Amino acid sequence: GVPQVAVQTSKAFRHWVKSPTEHSACTTNFSAWSSSACRLPDSTARTMRRAYYACVSQTDDLVGKVLAALKSNGFEDSTVVTLWGDHG
């Protein structure tokens, strides 16, 4: 039920998660993901979500530490902090 833009169809992605799905439509066609043949197992999806949320939590914690260090050392008003991401 996710928007098509959020669907990962990369062949490299499927190789990374060791998906048994090798059907070519699963790597080239967004609409193919509505078929059960192209879906990752629920356990794999849950594991990937947990890992993603852990990464987000870790990043949030580390950014907070950097901002706190800037503040405690008197640099918060003279420092520009830029966060840059490549995928979301």
Protein backbone atom coordinates (compact mmCIF):
# COMPACT_ATOMS: atom_id res chain seq x y z
CA GLY A 1 0.00 0.00 0.00
CA VAL A 2 2.99 2.38 -0.22
CA PRO A 3 3.32 4.97 -3.00
CA GLN A 4 5.14 3.62 -6.05
CA VAL A 5 7.93 6.16 -5.57
CA ALA A 6 8.79 4.46 -2.26
CA VAL A 7 9.18 1.00 -3.75
CA GLN A 8 12.74 -0.30 -4.10
CA THR A 9 13.12 -2.20 -7.36
CA SER A 10 16.90 -2.23 -7.61
CA LYS A 11 18.46 -5.56 -8.52
CA ALA A 12 21.40 -4.67 -6.26
CA PHE A 13 18.99 -4.14 -3.38
CA ARG A 14 17.43 -7.58 -3.88
CA HIS A 15 20.90 -9.15 -4.02
CA TRP A 16 21.88 -7.36 -0.79
CA VAL A 17 18.87 -8.72 1.10
CA LYS A 18 19.45 -12.14 -0.50
CA SER A 19 15.93 -12.21 -1.89
CA PRO A 20 15.03 -15.39 -3.71
CA THR A 21 12.96 -13.29 -6.11
CA GLU A 22 14.82 -13.01 -9.38
CA HIS A 23 11.85 -12.36 -11.65
CA SER A 24 13.00 -9.58 -14.01
CA ALA A 25 9.74 -7.65 -13.60
CA CYS A 26 10.54 -7.28 -9.90
CA THR A 27 13.65 -5.27 -10.72
CA THR A 28 12.27 -3.14 -13.53
CA ASN A 29 8.57 -2.54 -13.02
CA PHE A 30 6.90 -0.73 -10.12
CA SER A 31 3.51 -2.26 -10.83
CA ALA A 32 4.98 -5.79 -10.51
CA TRP A 33 5.40 -5.20 -6.79
CA SER A 34 1.70 -5.73 -6.26
CA SER A 35 2.27 -9.41 -7.00
CA SER A 36 3.19 -11.78 -4.21
CA ALA A 37 6.14 -13.04 -6.30
CA CYS A 38 7.96 -9.73 -5.85
CA ARG A 39 7.38 -9.14 -2.16
CA LEU A 40 10.08 -9.59 0.45
CA PRO A 41 9.21 -11.90 3.34
CA ASP A 42 7.60 -10.04 6.27
CA SER A 43 10.45 -11.07 8.57
CA THR A 44 12.99 -9.48 6.20
CA ALA A 45 10.94 -6.29 5.94
CA ARG A 46 10.66 -6.08 9.76
CA THR A 47 14.41 -6.59 10.16
CA MET A 48 15.13 -3.88 7.61
CA ARG A 49 12.73 -1.44 9.28
CA ARG A 50 14.34 -2.05 12.67
CA ALA A 51 17.79 -1.43 11.20
CA TYR A 52 16.59 1.76 9.51
CA TYR A 53 14.98 3.08 12.71
CA ALA A 54 18.16 2.24 14.65
CA CYS A 55 20.23 4.23 12.15
CA VAL A 56 17.87 7.19 12.41
CA SER A 57 17.99 7.05 16.23
CA GLN A 58 21.80 6.85 16.25
CA THR A 59 22.08 9.78 13.84
CA ASP A 60 19.65 11.83 15.92
CA ASP A 61 21.66 11.12 19.07
CA LEU A 62 24.98 12.04 17.43
CA VAL A 63 23.62 15.28 15.95
CA GLY A 64 22.33 16.16 19.42
CA LYS A 65 25.80 15.56 20.88
CA VAL A 66 27.42 17.79 18.26
CA LEU A 67 24.91 20.58 18.91
CA ALA A 68 25.36 20.24 22.69
CA ALA A 69 29.15 20.40 22.31
CA LEU A 70 28.88 23.54 20.19
CA LYS A 71 26.64 25.13 22.81
CA SER A 72 28.79 24.15 25.78
CA ASN A 73 31.91 25.53 24.09
CA GLY A 74 30.26 28.80 23.05
CA PHE A 75 30.19 28.15 19.32
CA GLU A 76 26.44 27.73 18.79
CA ASP A 77 25.93 31.29 17.50
CA SER A 78 28.95 31.30 15.17
CA THR A 79 28.70 27.86 13.59
CA VAL A 80 26.65 26.66 10.65
CA VAL A 81 25.67 23.00 10.90
CA THR A 82 24.68 21.34 7.62
CA LEU A 83 23.16 17.87 7.43
CA TRP A 84 23.44 16.16 4.08
CA GLY A 85 21.91 12.87 3.05
CA ASP A 86 21.91 10.95 -0.19
CA HIS A 87 18.71 8.90 0.14
CA GLY A 88 16.02 10.58 2.17
